[in-house]
Protein backbone atom coordinates (compact mmCIF):
# COMPACT_ATOMS: atom_id res chain seq x y z
CA MET A 1 0.42 0.29 0.10
CA ILE A 2 2.88 2.17 1.10
CA ALA A 3 4.33 1.92 -2.73
CA GLN A 4 0.78 2.73 -4.26
CA ILE A 5 0.50 5.68 -2.40
CA ILE A 6 3.95 6.86 -3.30
CA PHE A 7 3.63 5.80 -6.73
CA ILE A 8 0.25 8.18 -7.19
CA ILE A 9 1.60 10.96 -5.78
CA ILE A 10 4.78 10.49 -8.04
CA LEU A 11 1.70 10.01 -10.92
CA GLY A 12 -0.07 12.84 -10.08
CA ALA A 13 3.31 15.29 -9.33
CA ALA A 14 4.55 14.22 -12.89
CA ILE A 15 0.95 15.02 -14.52
CA TYR A 16 0.37 18.06 -12.87
CA LEU A 17 3.82 19.58 -13.59
CA PHE A 18 3.84 18.51 -17.57
CA SER A 19 0.02 19.98 -17.95
CA LYS A 20 1.53 23.38 -16.37
CA ASN A 21 4.71 23.23 -18.72
CA VAL A 22 2.38 22.35 -21.52
CA ALA A 23 0.09 25.55 -20.84
CA LYS A 24 2.98 27.73 -20.64
CA ILE A 25 3.91 26.91 -24.05
CA ARG A 26 0.24 27.33 -25.28
CA ARG A 27 0.12 30.34 -24.05
CA ASN A 28 3.53 31.67 -25.79
CA ILE A 29 2.45 30.30 -29.11
CA LEU A 30 -0.77 32.19 -28.48
CA LEU A 31 1.21 35.26 -28.37
CA GLY A 32 1.50 35.27 -31.96
CA LYS A 33 -0.99 37.03 -34.15
CA ASP A 34 -4.15 35.25 -35.35
CA THR A 35 -3.82 33.34 -38.75
CA ASP A 36 -6.64 31.06 -40.72
CA ARG A 37 -5.40 27.45 -40.78
CA LYS A 38 -8.97 25.49 -40.85
CA ASP A 39 -9.88 25.35 -44.31
CA GLN A 40 -9.44 22.21 -46.36
CA SER A 41 -9.69 19.81 -43.43
CA ALA A 42 -10.21 16.61 -45.11
CA LEU A 43 -6.54 17.46 -46.89
CA ARG A 44 -5.13 18.45 -43.80
CA TRP A 45 -5.79 15.50 -42.19
CA LYS A 46 -3.87 13.43 -45.18
CA VAL A 47 -0.92 15.82 -45.03
CA MET A 48 -0.55 14.98 -40.91
CA ALA A 49 -1.01 11.13 -41.78
CA LYS A 50 1.34 11.32 -44.51
CA ILE A 51 4.27 13.89 -42.94
CA ALA A 52 3.71 13.02 -39.29
CA LEU A 53 2.61 9.61 -39.26
CA GLY A 54 4.15 8.13 -42.17
CA GLN A 55 7.03 10.34 -41.75
CA THR A 56 7.37 10.43 -45.62
CA LYS A 57 9.78 13.44 -45.73
CA MET A 58 12.61 11.36 -43.84
CA VAL A 59 13.45 8.94 -46.58
CA LYS A 60 15.60 11.25 -48.40
CA ARG A 61 18.48 10.35 -45.49
CA PRO A 62 18.02 6.47 -45.47
CA VAL A 63 20.23 5.59 -42.39
CA ALA A 64 18.41 8.33 -40.43
CA THR A 65 15.06 7.40 -41.47
CA VAL A 66 15.75 3.53 -40.62
CA MET A 67 16.70 4.35 -36.96
CA HIS A 68 14.21 7.16 -36.28
CA PHE A 69 11.78 4.14 -37.36
CA PHE A 70 12.81 2.27 -34.94
CA ILE A 71 12.72 4.59 -31.89
CA TYR A 72 9.36 6.29 -33.48
CA ALA A 73 7.70 2.95 -33.47
CA GLY A 74 9.63 1.75 -30.12
CA PHE A 75 7.99 5.31 -28.56
CA ILE A 76 4.36 4.45 -29.62
CA ILE A 77 4.14 0.40 -29.12
CA ILE A 78 6.05 0.40 -26.18
CA ASN A 79 3.57 2.97 -24.43
CA LEU A 80 0.99 0.09 -24.57
CA GLU A 81 3.65 -1.61 -21.82
CA VAL A 82 4.26 1.83 -20.05
CA LEU A 83 0.05 1.95 -19.36
CA GLU A 84 0.14 -1.61 -18.00
CA ILE A 85 3.54 -0.45 -15.51
CA MET A 86 1.04 2.37 -14.36
CA ILE A 87 -1.90 0.34 -14.02
CA ASP A 88 -0.01 -1.90 -11.57
CA GLY A 89 1.73 0.74 -9.38
CA VAL A 90 -1.72 2.45 -9.03
CA PHE A 91 -3.40 -1.02 -7.97
CA GLY A 92 -0.68 -3.06 -6.81
CA SER A 93 -0.92 -5.65 -9.53
CA HIS A 94 1.56 -7.15 -11.55
CA ARG A 95 1.23 -7.54 -15.20
CA ILE A 96 -2.45 -7.06 -15.07
CA PHE A 97 -2.81 -7.29 -18.90
CA ALA A 98 -1.33 -11.07 -19.08
CA ASN A 99 -5.01 -12.83 -18.17
CA PRO A 100 -7.08 -10.74 -20.05
CA LEU A 101 -5.04 -10.90 -23.02
CA GLY A 102 -3.88 -14.52 -23.07
CA GLY A 103 -1.71 -15.82 -25.66
CA LEU A 104 -1.62 -12.42 -27.25
CA TYR A 105 0.40 -10.82 -24.21
CA GLY A 106 3.68 -13.32 -24.82
CA PHE A 107 3.50 -11.86 -28.44
CA LEU A 108 2.94 -7.85 -27.01
CA ILE A 109 5.98 -8.71 -24.74
CA GLY A 110 8.05 -10.09 -27.46
CA ALA A 111 7.41 -7.56 -29.51
CA PHE A 112 8.48 -4.54 -27.17
CA GLU A 113 11.65 -6.53 -26.18
CA VAL A 114 12.63 -6.68 -29.75
CA LEU A 115 11.30 -3.04 -30.19
CA ALA A 116 13.68 -2.23 -27.26
CA VAL A 117 16.65 -3.52 -28.68
CA LEU A 118 16.34 -1.88 -31.83
CA VAL A 119 15.85 1.81 -29.97
CA LEU A 120 19.00 1.09 -27.97
CA THR A 121 20.66 0.05 -31.49
CA ALA A 122 19.38 3.17 -32.97
CA CYS A 123 20.27 5.72 -29.80
CA ILE A 124 23.69 4.22 -30.15
CA VAL A 125 23.95 5.00 -33.74
CA PHE A 126 22.79 8.93 -33.62
CA LEU A 127 25.37 9.29 -30.72
CA CYS A 128 28.16 7.67 -33.04
CA ARG A 129 26.82 9.96 -35.26
CA ARG A 130 26.82 13.18 -33.48
CA ASN A 131 29.79 12.74 -31.00
CA VAL A 132 32.40 10.14 -33.13
CA ILE A 133 31.60 11.06 -36.85
CA HIS A 134 30.60 14.45 -36.05
CA LEU A 135 28.26 14.96 -38.60
CA LYS A 136 28.12 18.51 -40.31
CA ARG A 137 24.81 19.13 -39.90
CA PHE A 138 24.96 19.01 -36.18
CA THR A 139 27.06 21.84 -36.15
CA GLY A 140 27.13 25.58 -36.44
CA THR A 141 27.04 28.84 -34.77
CA GLU A 142 23.79 27.81 -33.46
CA MET A 143 24.80 24.55 -32.23
CA THR A 144 26.52 25.70 -28.71
CA GLN A 145 26.70 23.65 -25.66
CA TRP A 146 23.13 22.97 -24.54
CA PRO A 147 21.58 22.14 -27.88
CA LYS A 148 24.19 19.41 -28.50
CA SER A 149 23.81 18.27 -24.82
CA ASP A 150 20.28 18.47 -25.23
CA ALA A 151 20.50 15.40 -27.88
CA ASN A 152 23.01 13.50 -26.10
CA TYR A 153 20.42 13.67 -22.67
CA ILE A 154 17.64 12.43 -24.72
CA LEU A 155 19.32 9.16 -26.45
CA ILE A 156 21.87 8.46 -23.45
CA THR A 157 18.11 8.60 -21.47
CA GLU A 158 16.42 6.81 -24.06
CA ILE A 159 19.35 3.70 -23.59
CA LEU A 160 18.85 3.56 -19.63
CA LEU A 161 15.10 3.45 -19.86
CA MET A 162 15.44 0.29 -22.32
CA THR A 163 18.03 -0.97 -20.74
CA ALA A 164 15.95 -1.16 -17.19
CA PHE A 165 13.05 -2.49 -19.01
CA LEU A 166 14.98 -5.25 -20.40
CA THR A 167 16.79 -6.11 -16.78
CA MET A 168 13.09 -6.28 -15.23
CA ASN A 169 11.77 -8.63 -17.82
CA ALA A 170 14.57 -10.51 -16.93
CA ALA A 171 14.40 -10.65 -13.48
CA ASP A 172 10.91 -11.31 -13.83
CA TYR A 173 11.79 -14.16 -16.07
CA LYS A 174 13.81 -16.16 -13.24
CA LEU A 175 11.29 -15.49 -10.96
CA GLN A 176 8.79 -17.04 -13.14
CA LEU A 177 10.71 -19.96 -13.52
CA LEU A 178 11.25 -20.12 -9.65
CA HIS A 179 7.84 -19.74 -9.27
CA PHE A 180 8.43 -17.33 -6.61
CA GLY A 181 5.36 -15.03 -5.13
CA HIS A 182 3.17 -13.72 -7.75
CA TYR A 183 5.43 -13.99 -10.36
CA VAL A 184 3.40 -16.35 -12.19
CA SER A 185 4.21 -17.28 -16.10
CA ALA A 186 3.01 -14.47 -18.16
CA GLY A 187 4.91 -13.05 -21.31
CA SER A 188 7.37 -14.33 -23.81
CA PHE A 189 11.17 -13.08 -23.20
CA PRO A 190 12.75 -13.54 -26.53
CA VAL A 191 15.52 -10.96 -25.48
CA SER A 192 15.38 -10.80 -21.70
CA SER A 193 16.08 -14.34 -21.26
CA LEU A 194 19.31 -14.13 -22.83
CA LEU A 195 20.15 -11.54 -20.28
CA ALA A 196 18.99 -13.62 -17.19
CA PRO A 197 21.91 -15.70 -16.55
CA LEU A 198 23.74 -12.47 -15.96
CA LEU A 199 21.25 -11.74 -12.85
CA PRO A 200 21.65 -13.38 -9.67
CA ASP A 201 20.14 -16.52 -8.65
CA GLY A 202 18.44 -15.94 -5.11
CA ALA A 203 14.82 -15.04 -5.17
CA SER A 204 15.45 -11.76 -3.20
CA ALA A 205 18.25 -10.86 -5.22
CA LEU A 206 15.87 -10.80 -8.15
CA VAL A 207 12.99 -9.09 -6.43
CA ILE A 208 15.39 -6.29 -5.57
CA ALA A 209 16.57 -6.33 -9.13
CA GLU A 210 12.80 -6.50 -10.52
CA ARG A 211 11.41 -3.89 -8.57
CA VAL A 212 14.72 -1.33 -8.70
CA CYS A 213 14.33 -1.48 -12.63
CA TRP A 214 10.76 -0.85 -12.78
CA TRP A 215 10.66 2.08 -10.77
CA PHE A 216 13.91 3.09 -12.75
CA HIS A 217 11.76 2.68 -15.79
CA ILE A 218 8.32 4.12 -14.89
CA VAL A 219 9.79 7.14 -12.68
CA GLY A 220 12.27 7.70 -15.58
CA ILE A 221 9.66 7.89 -18.25
CA LEU A 222 7.57 10.69 -15.99
CA CYS A 223 11.01 12.66 -16.15
CA PHE A 224 11.42 12.26 -19.54
CA LEU A 225 7.86 13.58 -20.10
CA ASN A 226 8.43 16.44 -18.17
CA TYR A 227 11.77 17.44 -19.54
CA LEU A 228 10.10 17.31 -23.50
CA PRO A 229 8.89 21.17 -22.97
CA TYR A 230 12.70 22.27 -22.29
CA SER A 231 13.55 20.26 -25.16
CA LYS A 232 13.76 19.77 -28.95
CA HIS A 233 12.28 16.70 -28.39
CA PHE A 234 8.76 18.45 -27.85
CA HIS A 235 8.90 17.77 -31.58
CA ILE A 236 7.47 14.26 -30.42
CA LEU A 237 3.75 15.67 -29.53
CA LEU A 238 3.84 18.99 -31.98
CA ALA A 239 4.82 17.40 -35.16
CA PHE A 240 1.23 16.43 -35.37
CA PRO A 241 -0.70 19.41 -34.91
CA ASN A 242 2.61 21.15 -36.54
CA THR A 243 1.75 19.39 -40.22
CA TYR A 244 -1.80 19.33 -39.81
CA TYR A 245 -1.85 23.13 -40.03
CA SER A 246 0.69 23.50 -42.38
CA ASN A 247 0.63 25.99 -45.44
CA LEU A 248 -1.38 24.38 -48.27
CA ASN A 249 -0.37 27.14 -50.44
CA PRO A 250 2.33 26.72 -53.44
CA LYS A 251 5.37 27.08 -52.27
CA GLY A 252 6.62 30.49 -53.19
CA LYS A 253 3.30 32.08 -52.80
CA PHE A 254 3.58 35.17 -50.76
CA THR A 255 0.82 36.53 -48.80
CA ASN A 256 -0.58 40.27 -49.19
CA MET A 257 -1.36 42.59 -46.25
CA ALA A 258 -4.96 43.55 -46.56
CA SER A 259 -4.03 47.06 -45.37
CA VAL A 260 -1.51 47.42 -47.93
CA THR A 261 -3.94 45.60 -51.09
CA ASN A 262 -6.67 48.30 -49.87
CA GLU A 263 -4.41 51.33 -50.55
CA VAL A 264 -3.08 50.39 -53.53
CA LYS A 265 -6.95 49.46 -55.02
CA ALA A 266 -7.66 52.60 -53.73
CA MET A 267 -4.88 54.59 -55.53
CA LEU A 268 -5.69 52.48 -59.06
CA ASP A 269 -10.12 53.29 -58.26
CA PRO A 270 -10.93 56.27 -56.72
CA SER A 271 -14.20 54.93 -56.12
CA TYR A 272 -13.31 51.56 -54.41
CA ALA A 273 -14.46 51.67 -50.80
CA PRO A 274 -12.45 49.11 -48.47
CA GLU A 275 -13.70 47.01 -46.08
CA ASN A 276 -12.46 48.19 -42.31
CA THR A 277 -9.98 45.33 -41.90
CA GLY A 278 -8.34 47.55 -39.12
CA GLU A 279 -4.67 48.93 -39.16
CA PRO A 280 -1.71 46.97 -38.40
CA GLY A 281 0.34 47.42 -35.32
CA ARG A 282 3.37 47.11 -38.09
CA PHE A 283 4.17 46.21 -41.09
CA GLY A 284 6.21 42.97 -40.99
CA ALA A 285 7.30 41.12 -37.69
CA LYS A 286 10.29 43.38 -35.68
CA ASP A 287 9.95 40.77 -32.61
CA VAL A 288 7.89 37.47 -32.80
CA THR A 289 4.65 38.52 -31.21
CA ASP A 290 4.06 40.36 -34.74
CA LEU A 291 4.49 36.54 -36.32
CA THR A 292 1.24 34.37 -36.16
CA TRP A 293 0.84 31.94 -33.94
CA LYS A 294 1.68 29.03 -36.35
CA ASN A 295 5.18 30.61 -36.87
CA LEU A 296 5.63 30.40 -32.89
CA MET A 297 4.32 26.95 -33.28
CA GLU A 298 6.69 25.73 -36.02
CA ALA A 299 9.72 27.28 -33.98
CA TYR A 300 8.40 24.97 -30.61
CA THR A 301 7.94 21.87 -33.48
CA CYS A 302 12.25 22.39 -34.73
CA THR A 303 13.76 19.37 -33.89
CA GLU A 304 17.38 21.26 -34.50
CA CYS A 305 18.35 18.24 -37.25
CA GLY A 306 19.89 20.45 -39.21
CA ARG A 307 18.31 19.39 -42.70
CA CYS A 308 17.16 22.78 -43.59
CA THR A 309 20.42 24.35 -43.42
CA SER A 310 22.55 21.89 -45.01
CA VAL A 311 20.58 21.91 -48.42
CA CYS A 312 20.85 26.21 -47.66
CA PRO A 313 22.46 27.43 -50.50
CA ALA A 314 22.96 30.64 -48.68
CA ASN A 315 24.85 28.61 -45.86
CA ILE A 316 26.74 26.48 -48.07
CA THR A 317 28.07 29.26 -49.77
CA GLY A 318 29.32 30.67 -46.42
CA LYS A 319 26.90 32.88 -45.65
CA LEU A 320 26.01 33.77 -42.12
CA LEU A 321 22.35 32.53 -42.64
CA SER A 322 21.27 29.24 -41.05
CA PRO A 323 17.52 28.37 -41.06
CA ARG A 324 17.81 26.16 -38.11
CA LYS A 325 19.20 29.71 -36.27
CA ILE A 326 16.32 31.27 -37.51
CA MET A 327 13.63 28.90 -35.71
CA MET A 328 15.74 28.54 -32.52
CA ASP A 329 16.11 32.00 -32.13
CA THR A 330 12.64 32.17 -32.87
CA ARG A 331 11.87 29.89 -29.67
CA ASP A 332 14.21 31.39 -27.78
CA ARG A 333 12.82 34.75 -27.89
CA ILE A 334 9.18 33.63 -27.36
CA THR A 335 10.36 31.65 -24.37
CA GLU A 336 11.99 34.57 -23.03
CA ILE A 337 8.78 36.74 -23.44
CA GLY A 338 6.79 33.98 -21.70
CA ASN A 339 8.93 34.09 -18.66
CA ASN A 340 9.20 37.70 -18.32
CA ILE A 341 5.05 37.52 -18.63
CA ASP A 342 5.70 35.23 -15.67
CA LYS A 343 7.76 37.29 -13.72
CA HIS A 344 7.13 40.62 -14.18
CA GLY A 345 3.39 40.58 -15.95
CA LYS A 346 1.85 41.14 -19.31
CA ASP A 347 2.98 44.54 -20.04
CA TYR A 348 6.32 44.41 -19.03
CA GLN A 349 8.78 45.57 -22.04
CA ASP A 350 12.24 44.33 -21.86
CA ASP A 351 13.30 46.63 -24.93
CA LYS A 352 14.44 43.78 -26.81
CA SER A 353 13.33 42.24 -30.22
CA LEU A 354 13.81 39.46 -32.36
CA LEU A 355 15.38 41.36 -35.06
CA ASP A 356 18.82 42.49 -34.53
CA ASN A 357 19.21 41.13 -30.68
CA TYR A 358 18.62 37.58 -32.12
CA ILE A 359 18.69 37.62 -35.49
CA SER A 360 21.21 39.94 -37.55
CA ARG A 361 20.16 41.96 -40.69
CA GLU A 362 22.96 40.29 -42.68
CA GLU A 363 21.03 36.54 -41.85
CA LEU A 364 17.96 38.28 -43.11
CA TRP A 365 19.45 39.44 -46.28
CA ALA A 366 21.40 36.23 -47.09
CA CYS A 367 18.41 34.08 -47.78
CA THR A 368 17.57 33.62 -51.58
CA SER A 369 14.01 32.80 -50.83
CA CYS A 370 14.31 29.51 -52.98
CA ASN A 371 12.58 27.51 -50.20
CA ALA A 372 15.19 24.66 -49.87
CA CYS A 373 14.57 24.80 -46.01
CA VAL A 374 10.71 24.56 -46.62
CA GLU A 375 11.65 21.33 -48.67
CA ALA A 376 14.27 19.67 -46.66
CA CYS A 377 12.16 20.29 -43.18
CA PRO A 378 10.58 16.51 -42.23
CA VAL A 379 7.76 18.27 -40.40
CA ASN A 380 6.79 20.96 -42.81
CA ILE A 381 8.18 23.93 -40.77
CA ASN A 382 8.79 26.95 -43.00
CA PRO A 383 11.45 29.02 -41.66
CA LEU A 384 11.41 31.47 -44.98
CA GLU A 385 7.74 33.09 -43.44
CA ILE A 386 9.48 34.54 -40.69
CA ILE A 387 12.39 35.74 -43.28
CA THR A 388 9.75 37.30 -45.07
CA GLU A 389 8.04 39.20 -42.53
CA MET A 390 11.09 40.48 -40.82
CA ARG A 391 12.41 42.05 -44.21
CA ARG A 392 9.14 43.59 -44.60
CA TYR A 393 9.55 45.17 -41.42
CA ILE A 394 12.92 46.40 -42.40
CA VAL A 395 11.60 47.60 -45.81
CA MET A 396 8.34 49.19 -44.99
CA GLU A 397 8.58 50.22 -41.28
CA GLU A 398 12.37 51.65 -41.65
CA SER A 399 12.90 51.91 -45.48
CA GLN A 400 16.47 50.61 -44.60
CA ALA A 401 16.69 47.74 -47.64
CA PRO A 402 20.12 47.26 -49.12
CA ALA A 403 21.21 49.78 -51.78
CA SER A 404 20.93 47.00 -54.68
CA LEU A 405 16.85 46.52 -53.71
CA ASN A 406 16.43 50.23 -53.26
CA ASN A 407 17.66 50.98 -56.93
CA MET A 408 15.23 48.23 -57.89
CA PHE A 409 12.33 49.89 -55.70
CA SER A 410 13.42 53.29 -57.45
CA ASN A 411 13.79 51.56 -60.77
CA VAL A 412 9.64 49.73 -60.32
CA GLU A 413 8.45 53.26 -59.53
CA ASN A 414 9.93 55.56 -62.13
CA ASN A 415 10.03 53.00 -64.97
CA GLY A 416 7.37 50.29 -64.44
CA ALA A 417 10.27 47.73 -64.28
CA PRO A 418 13.40 46.68 -62.11
CA TRP A 419 15.91 48.22 -64.73
CA LYS A 420 17.10 51.15 -65.08
CA TYR A 421 16.03 51.64 -68.72
CA SER A 422 12.60 54.03 -69.40
CA GLN A 423 9.59 52.09 -70.86
CA ALA A 424 10.31 53.95 -74.11
CA ASP A 425 13.34 52.68 -74.46
CA ARG A 426 12.58 49.22 -73.06
CA PHE A 427 12.26 47.44 -76.96
CA ASN A 428 14.83 49.52 -78.44
CA TRP A 429 17.01 46.06 -78.43
CA THR A 430 15.01 44.86 -81.25
CA GLU A 431 15.92 47.02 -83.72
CA GLU A 432 18.61 46.61 -86.19
CA GLN A 433 21.76 47.70 -85.56
């Protein structure tokens, strides 16, 4: 009974803390401007099933795809085993699903063990790719000590959890063979039975090993759950809504600001009566609160995998731009604003902004708007939208576009084209020389 009470307290505290942190992230995301992503629901479900569930955009890198699938499948399927452990912890039972499921239970436990080995293998491979092989896309100015450590912490934690799971089953298997206490024959142990000879033979020592691993496994999972909101691995949860709310427009199609469109129409047609859409606080985006909630959701969904930066032509040619850094900076800034709200209230101003304090103008103007980063992202994140909105602010609010762009703007205004030639001379090249 004492063990049940302790477990219920730990479980309740874990759920409460996780819910509280998720609520903060939700609050932070909703600090962004509204945008309508509720249209074409059938297509959105299809995109989510294809991209988030089917992981179709992962296949361009086969090794990472296979390893990630092991972890992904293990995470989803082994959670059934976690459900049983939680029920056992609350009610003081042991392998409560064994009798209701009968022979299917043995198959499931065996499948869980095989998946656990695959997860172990994938985590070791990923650790080697990051810390031994040092793949280039896992480096960069934005990949400071914390992002590197964050990835390693998760991989090491998963290795420990899977090891504890297999050791727990190995001890359980030996206790079943001894017909000790409530350890009745239940389950199939194709992997952990191979580990059983490494454990002691005494029943008391086996019970201690089984209980220690049981507590370590389930408490470790609850700790992992509460670590997610502080980690890039929050994409485990946000990848699904993020892909559902994807931008369904063709890549490269830019949005128009209603207020600007109304002004242009009024200039062309004096009789035009624009609808009252309300004046924007500013043109474009200077800070994260000028972005949409979808942009902010994408920032929290970013996995920092570096696929976007690895295909960015600006980054490849040595420019300062890194699409991954754009998303990481956006997440850091909105988190900072959220923390300021918690400490000082919603009206607090820290005199900082995403532009200049986090993202430099050199980074923004290095972008070629090619959409390579958007195409490469496995969960449909769009760094280009953020870059475009910040460029809009620089041009429309500050009039500080680069000289080459200002020349083009002047030519468009005076000549109706980006070139310096007047409209009357535009077809001179057709004349015979």
